[in-house]
């Protein structure tokens, strides 16, 4: 059990650092570098084949947030169809996290509301 907690803490720390880089690149409008950082984060921290069956809501939250950032960037680059599909995946991941966590999370709900607005 302790080993699992260490893994989760390491994953959260690594994802936090990656998200900080991604947000920095977005603020500087270095969209291609932000997308590269997102892809790196996916490959290092997520088994995309099994993400739909993932029972760890923290991983689902992080995955959903990464998808949202990727969708935002693609929207800025004019890739509206790709952005919309990524928003849908992000919403699905965050919705699963909401169900699996059995708790209300303001940040998650805020992200979900932003995504719903972007899809409309």
N, C-alpha and C. Protein backbone atom coordinates (compact mmCIF):
# COMPACT_ATOMS: atom_id res chain seq x y z
N UNK A 1 0.81 -1.19 0.00
CA UNK A 1 0.00 0.00 0.00
C UNK A 1 0.86 1.26 0.00
N UNK A 2 1.91 1.28 0.79
CA UNK A 2 2.80 2.45 0.83
C UNK A 2 3.46 2.67 -0.52
N UNK A 3 3.84 1.58 -1.16
CA UNK A 3 4.47 1.69 -2.47
C UNK A 3 3.48 2.32 -3.46
N UNK A 4 2.21 1.95 -3.39
CA UNK A 4 1.20 2.52 -4.28
C UNK A 4 1.04 4.02 -4.02
N UNK A 5 1.05 4.44 -2.75
CA UNK A 5 0.95 5.87 -2.42
C UNK A 5 2.15 6.62 -2.96
N UNK A 6 3.35 6.05 -2.84
CA UNK A 6 4.55 6.68 -3.37
C UNK A 6 4.43 6.87 -4.88
N UNK A 7 3.94 5.85 -5.56
CA UNK A 7 3.76 5.92 -7.01
C UNK A 7 2.79 7.04 -7.36
N UNK A 8 1.67 7.13 -6.66
CA UNK A 8 0.68 8.15 -6.93
C UNK A 8 1.25 9.54 -6.69
N UNK A 9 1.99 9.71 -5.59
CA UNK A 9 2.61 11.01 -5.30
C UNK A 9 3.63 11.39 -6.37
N UNK A 10 4.42 10.43 -6.81
CA UNK A 10 5.39 10.69 -7.88
C UNK A 10 4.68 11.07 -9.17
N UNK A 11 3.59 10.37 -9.48
CA UNK A 11 2.83 10.65 -10.69
C UNK A 11 2.25 12.06 -10.63
N UNK A 12 1.70 12.44 -9.49
CA UNK A 12 1.12 13.77 -9.33
C UNK A 12 2.19 14.85 -9.47
N UNK A 13 3.34 14.63 -8.85
CA UNK A 13 4.44 15.59 -8.94
C UNK A 13 4.93 15.75 -10.38
N UNK A 14 5.12 14.63 -11.07
CA UNK A 14 5.59 14.67 -12.46
C UNK A 14 4.56 15.35 -13.36
N UNK A 15 3.29 15.01 -13.16
CA UNK A 15 2.24 15.62 -13.97
C UNK A 15 2.14 17.12 -13.70
N UNK A 16 2.30 17.51 -12.44
CA UNK A 16 2.27 18.93 -12.10
C UNK A 16 3.39 19.71 -12.79
N UNK A 17 4.57 19.13 -12.82
CA UNK A 17 5.69 19.78 -13.51
C UNK A 17 5.42 19.89 -15.00
N UNK A 18 4.88 18.80 -15.58
CA UNK A 18 4.57 18.81 -17.02
C UNK A 18 3.49 19.84 -17.33
N UNK A 19 2.45 19.90 -16.49
CA UNK A 19 1.38 20.88 -16.71
C UNK A 19 1.91 22.31 -16.61
N UNK A 20 2.82 22.56 -15.68
CA UNK A 20 3.41 23.89 -15.56
C UNK A 20 4.16 24.27 -16.85
N UNK A 21 4.90 23.32 -17.41
CA UNK A 21 5.61 23.57 -18.67
C UNK A 21 4.62 23.85 -19.79
N UNK A 22 3.57 23.03 -19.85
CA UNK A 22 2.56 23.17 -20.92
C UNK A 22 1.89 24.53 -20.83
N UNK A 23 1.50 24.93 -19.63
CA UNK A 23 0.86 26.23 -19.44
C UNK A 23 1.82 27.36 -19.81
N UNK A 24 3.07 27.21 -19.45
CA UNK A 24 4.07 28.22 -19.82
C UNK A 24 4.21 28.36 -21.32
N UNK A 25 4.28 27.24 -22.01
CA UNK A 25 4.38 27.28 -23.48
C UNK A 25 3.13 27.91 -24.08
N UNK A 26 1.96 27.58 -23.54
CA UNK A 26 0.71 28.16 -24.05
C UNK A 26 0.69 29.67 -23.85
N UNK A 27 1.11 30.13 -22.69
CA UNK A 27 1.11 31.57 -22.41
C UNK A 27 2.06 32.31 -23.33
N UNK A 28 3.15 31.65 -23.72
CA UNK A 28 4.12 32.26 -24.64
C UNK A 28 3.75 32.01 -26.10
N UNK A 29 2.59 31.35 -26.31
CA UNK A 29 2.09 30.99 -27.64
C UNK A 29 3.08 30.12 -28.41
N UNK A 30 3.78 29.28 -27.69
CA UNK A 30 4.67 28.29 -28.30
C UNK A 30 3.91 26.96 -28.33
N UNK A 31 2.89 26.93 -29.21
CA UNK A 31 1.93 25.84 -29.21
C UNK A 31 2.54 24.49 -29.60
N UNK A 32 3.44 24.50 -30.54
CA UNK A 32 4.04 23.23 -30.96
C UNK A 32 4.89 22.62 -29.84
N UNK A 33 5.58 23.45 -29.09
CA UNK A 33 6.34 22.94 -27.95
C UNK A 33 5.42 22.42 -26.86
N UNK A 34 4.28 23.09 -26.66
CA UNK A 34 3.31 22.62 -25.68
C UNK A 34 2.77 21.25 -26.09
N UNK A 35 2.48 21.08 -27.38
CA UNK A 35 1.98 19.78 -27.86
C UNK A 35 3.03 18.69 -27.69
N UNK A 36 4.29 19.03 -27.93
CA UNK A 36 5.37 18.06 -27.73
C UNK A 36 5.45 17.63 -26.26
N UNK A 37 5.30 18.59 -25.36
CA UNK A 37 5.34 18.28 -23.92
C UNK A 37 4.15 17.40 -23.52
N UNK A 38 3.00 17.66 -24.11
CA UNK A 38 1.82 16.83 -23.84
C UNK A 38 2.07 15.40 -24.31
N UNK A 39 2.58 15.25 -25.50
CA UNK A 39 2.87 13.90 -26.03
C UNK A 39 3.88 13.17 -25.15
N UNK A 40 4.88 13.88 -24.68
CA UNK A 40 5.88 13.29 -23.80
C UNK A 40 5.22 12.82 -22.50
N UNK A 41 4.35 13.64 -21.96
CA UNK A 41 3.65 13.29 -20.73
C UNK A 41 2.78 12.05 -20.94
N UNK A 42 2.07 11.99 -22.07
CA UNK A 42 1.26 10.81 -22.38
C UNK A 42 2.14 9.55 -22.39
N UNK A 43 3.25 9.64 -23.10
CA UNK A 43 4.07 8.44 -23.26
C UNK A 43 4.75 8.01 -21.97
N UNK A 44 5.06 8.96 -21.09
CA UNK A 44 5.74 8.63 -19.84
C UNK A 44 4.80 8.19 -18.73
N UNK A 45 3.56 8.67 -18.75
CA UNK A 45 2.70 8.46 -17.58
C UNK A 45 1.39 7.73 -17.83
N UNK A 46 1.06 7.48 -19.09
CA UNK A 46 -0.24 6.87 -19.35
C UNK A 46 -0.13 5.69 -20.30
N UNK A 47 -0.83 4.64 -19.94
CA UNK A 47 -1.00 3.50 -20.82
C UNK A 47 -2.31 3.76 -21.55
N UNK A 48 -2.22 4.34 -22.73
CA UNK A 48 -3.43 4.78 -23.44
C UNK A 48 -4.36 3.62 -23.80
N UNK A 49 -3.83 2.44 -23.91
CA UNK A 49 -4.67 1.29 -24.24
C UNK A 49 -5.64 0.99 -23.11
N UNK A 50 -5.20 1.17 -21.88
CA UNK A 50 -6.02 0.80 -20.72
C UNK A 50 -6.60 2.00 -19.96
N UNK A 51 -6.49 3.20 -20.50
CA UNK A 51 -6.94 4.37 -19.75
C UNK A 51 -8.44 4.31 -19.48
N UNK A 52 -9.23 3.74 -20.40
CA UNK A 52 -10.68 3.69 -20.19
C UNK A 52 -11.07 2.78 -19.04
N UNK A 53 -10.23 1.83 -18.70
CA UNK A 53 -10.56 0.92 -17.60
C UNK A 53 -9.85 1.31 -16.31
N UNK A 54 -9.13 2.40 -16.35
CA UNK A 54 -8.35 2.83 -15.19
C UNK A 54 -9.27 3.14 -14.01
N UNK A 55 -9.00 2.55 -12.88
CA UNK A 55 -9.83 2.79 -11.71
C UNK A 55 -9.27 3.91 -10.83
N UNK A 56 -8.10 4.36 -11.10
CA UNK A 56 -7.47 5.42 -10.31
C UNK A 56 -7.96 6.77 -10.80
N UNK A 57 -8.84 7.42 -10.05
CA UNK A 57 -9.43 8.67 -10.51
C UNK A 57 -8.40 9.79 -10.66
N UNK A 58 -7.31 9.74 -9.92
CA UNK A 58 -6.28 10.78 -10.05
C UNK A 58 -5.69 10.74 -11.45
N UNK A 59 -5.43 9.54 -11.92
CA UNK A 59 -4.89 9.39 -13.27
C UNK A 59 -5.90 9.88 -14.31
N UNK A 60 -7.17 9.60 -14.09
CA UNK A 60 -8.21 10.07 -15.00
C UNK A 60 -8.31 11.59 -14.99
N UNK A 61 -8.17 12.20 -13.82
CA UNK A 61 -8.18 13.67 -13.72
C UNK A 61 -7.03 14.28 -14.53
N UNK A 62 -5.85 13.76 -14.33
CA UNK A 62 -4.67 14.29 -15.02
C UNK A 62 -4.80 14.09 -16.52
N UNK A 63 -5.23 12.91 -16.92
CA UNK A 63 -5.42 12.61 -18.34
C UNK A 63 -6.44 13.57 -18.95
N UNK A 64 -7.55 13.79 -18.25
CA UNK A 64 -8.57 14.71 -18.74
C UNK A 64 -8.05 16.13 -18.89
N UNK A 65 -7.25 16.56 -17.92
CA UNK A 65 -6.70 17.91 -18.00
C UNK A 65 -5.71 18.03 -19.15
N UNK A 66 -4.89 17.03 -19.37
CA UNK A 66 -3.97 17.05 -20.50
C UNK A 66 -4.72 17.11 -21.83
N UNK A 67 -5.78 16.31 -21.93
CA UNK A 67 -6.59 16.32 -23.16
C UNK A 67 -7.20 17.70 -23.39
N UNK A 68 -7.65 18.35 -22.31
CA UNK A 68 -8.24 19.68 -22.44
C UNK A 68 -7.20 20.68 -22.95
N UNK A 69 -6.00 20.62 -22.39
CA UNK A 69 -4.94 21.53 -22.86
C UNK A 69 -4.63 21.27 -24.33
N UNK A 70 -4.56 19.98 -24.70
CA UNK A 70 -4.28 19.64 -26.10
C UNK A 70 -5.40 20.17 -27.00
N UNK A 71 -6.64 20.05 -26.55
CA UNK A 71 -7.77 20.56 -27.33
C UNK A 71 -7.70 22.08 -27.46
N UNK A 72 -7.40 22.77 -26.36
CA UNK A 72 -7.27 24.24 -26.40
C UNK A 72 -6.24 24.67 -27.42
N UNK A 73 -5.10 24.00 -27.41
CA UNK A 73 -4.01 24.36 -28.32
C UNK A 73 -4.41 24.09 -29.77
N UNK A 74 -5.03 22.93 -30.01
CA UNK A 74 -5.46 22.63 -31.37
C UNK A 74 -6.49 23.63 -31.86
N UNK A 75 -7.36 24.09 -30.96
CA UNK A 75 -8.32 25.13 -31.33
C UNK A 75 -7.61 26.41 -31.75
N UNK A 76 -6.57 26.80 -30.99
CA UNK A 76 -5.81 28.01 -31.33
C UNK A 76 -5.09 27.86 -32.67
N UNK A 77 -4.74 26.62 -33.02
CA UNK A 77 -4.04 26.36 -34.28
C UNK A 77 -5.02 26.18 -35.44
N UNK A 78 -6.31 26.33 -35.17
CA UNK A 78 -7.32 26.21 -36.22
C UNK A 78 -7.78 24.80 -36.52
N UNK A 79 -7.36 23.85 -35.69
CA UNK A 79 -7.75 22.45 -35.87
C UNK A 79 -9.02 22.18 -35.06
N UNK A 80 -10.14 22.80 -35.50
CA UNK A 80 -11.37 22.77 -34.72
C UNK A 80 -11.97 21.37 -34.55
N UNK A 81 -11.96 20.55 -35.59
CA UNK A 81 -12.52 19.20 -35.47
C UNK A 81 -11.71 18.34 -34.50
N UNK A 82 -10.40 18.44 -34.60
CA UNK A 82 -9.53 17.71 -33.68
C UNK A 82 -9.74 18.20 -32.25
N UNK A 83 -9.84 19.51 -32.09
CA UNK A 83 -10.07 20.08 -30.76
C UNK A 83 -11.37 19.56 -30.17
N UNK A 84 -12.42 19.52 -30.96
CA UNK A 84 -13.72 19.06 -30.47
C UNK A 84 -13.66 17.60 -30.01
N UNK A 85 -12.98 16.76 -30.78
CA UNK A 85 -12.84 15.35 -30.39
C UNK A 85 -12.03 15.21 -29.10
N UNK A 86 -10.99 16.01 -28.96
CA UNK A 86 -10.18 15.98 -27.74
C UNK A 86 -10.98 16.48 -26.54
N UNK A 87 -11.80 17.51 -26.75
CA UNK A 87 -12.66 17.99 -25.66
C UNK A 87 -13.61 16.89 -25.20
N UNK A 88 -14.17 16.15 -26.16
CA UNK A 88 -15.09 15.07 -25.81
C UNK A 88 -14.38 13.99 -24.98
N UNK A 89 -13.16 13.64 -25.39
CA UNK A 89 -12.39 12.65 -24.64
C UNK A 89 -12.05 13.17 -23.24
N UNK A 90 -11.70 14.44 -23.15
CA UNK A 90 -11.38 15.04 -21.86
C UNK A 90 -12.60 15.01 -20.94
N UNK A 91 -13.74 15.36 -21.48
CA UNK A 91 -14.97 15.35 -20.69
C UNK A 91 -15.31 13.94 -20.23
N UNK A 92 -15.10 12.97 -21.09
CA UNK A 92 -15.34 11.57 -20.73
C UNK A 92 -14.42 11.14 -19.59
N UNK A 93 -13.15 11.48 -19.69
CA UNK A 93 -12.19 11.11 -18.66
C UNK A 93 -12.52 11.78 -17.33
N UNK A 94 -12.83 13.05 -17.37
CA UNK A 94 -13.15 13.78 -16.15
C UNK A 94 -14.46 13.29 -15.54
N UNK A 95 -15.41 12.94 -16.38
CA UNK A 95 -16.68 12.39 -15.89
C UNK A 95 -16.47 11.06 -15.19
N UNK A 96 -15.62 10.22 -15.76
CA UNK A 96 -15.29 8.95 -15.11
C UNK A 96 -14.60 9.19 -13.78
N UNK A 97 -13.71 10.17 -13.74
CA UNK A 97 -13.02 10.50 -12.48
C UNK A 97 -14.03 10.95 -11.44
N UNK A 98 -15.01 11.73 -11.86
CA UNK A 98 -16.03 12.22 -10.93
C UNK A 98 -16.80 11.05 -10.32
N UNK A 99 -17.14 10.09 -11.15
CA UNK A 99 -17.88 8.92 -10.67
C UNK A 99 -17.02 8.05 -9.76
N UNK A 100 -15.79 7.78 -10.19
CA UNK A 100 -14.92 6.88 -9.43
C UNK A 100 -14.42 7.49 -8.12
N UNK A 101 -14.28 8.80 -8.07
CA UNK A 101 -13.77 9.43 -6.85
C UNK A 101 -14.82 9.48 -5.76
N UNK A 102 -16.08 9.47 -6.15
CA UNK A 102 -17.19 9.55 -5.20
C UNK A 102 -17.12 10.81 -4.34
N UNK A 103 -16.52 11.86 -4.91
CA UNK A 103 -16.43 13.13 -4.19
C UNK A 103 -16.53 14.27 -5.20
N UNK A 104 -16.91 15.42 -4.70
CA UNK A 104 -17.03 16.62 -5.53
C UNK A 104 -15.69 17.34 -5.55
N UNK A 105 -15.25 17.72 -6.73
CA UNK A 105 -13.98 18.41 -6.89
C UNK A 105 -14.23 19.68 -7.70
N UNK A 106 -14.00 20.83 -7.09
CA UNK A 106 -14.26 22.12 -7.75
C UNK A 106 -13.43 22.30 -9.01
N UNK A 107 -12.16 21.92 -8.97
CA UNK A 107 -11.31 22.09 -10.14
C UNK A 107 -11.83 21.23 -11.29
N UNK A 108 -12.16 19.98 -10.98
CA UNK A 108 -12.67 19.07 -12.01
C UNK A 108 -13.96 19.63 -12.61
N UNK A 109 -14.86 20.09 -11.76
CA UNK A 109 -16.13 20.63 -12.25
C UNK A 109 -15.90 21.88 -13.10
N UNK A 110 -14.94 22.70 -12.71
CA UNK A 110 -14.61 23.88 -13.51
C UNK A 110 -14.09 23.50 -14.89
N UNK A 111 -13.21 22.51 -14.93
CA UNK A 111 -12.69 22.03 -16.22
C UNK A 111 -13.82 21.46 -17.07
N UNK A 112 -14.71 20.69 -16.45
CA UNK A 112 -15.81 20.10 -17.19
C UNK A 112 -16.73 21.18 -17.75
N UNK A 113 -16.97 22.24 -16.99
CA UNK A 113 -17.82 23.34 -17.48
C UNK A 113 -17.14 24.09 -18.63
N UNK A 114 -15.84 24.30 -18.52
CA UNK A 114 -15.10 24.95 -19.62
C UNK A 114 -15.19 24.11 -20.89
N UNK A 115 -15.04 22.80 -20.74
CA UNK A 115 -15.10 21.90 -21.89
C UNK A 115 -16.48 21.93 -22.52
N UNK A 116 -17.51 21.85 -21.69
CA UNK A 116 -18.89 21.88 -22.22
C UNK A 116 -19.14 23.17 -22.99
N UNK A 117 -18.64 24.28 -22.50
CA UNK A 117 -18.79 25.57 -23.20
C UNK A 117 -18.05 25.56 -24.54
N UNK A 118 -16.88 24.95 -24.55
CA UNK A 118 -16.07 24.90 -25.78
C UNK A 118 -16.70 24.01 -26.84
N UNK A 119 -17.40 22.98 -26.41
CA UNK A 119 -18.01 22.04 -27.37
C UNK A 119 -19.23 22.65 -28.04
N UNK A 120 -19.94 23.50 -27.34
CA UNK A 120 -21.18 24.10 -27.89
C UNK A 120 -20.96 24.93 -29.08
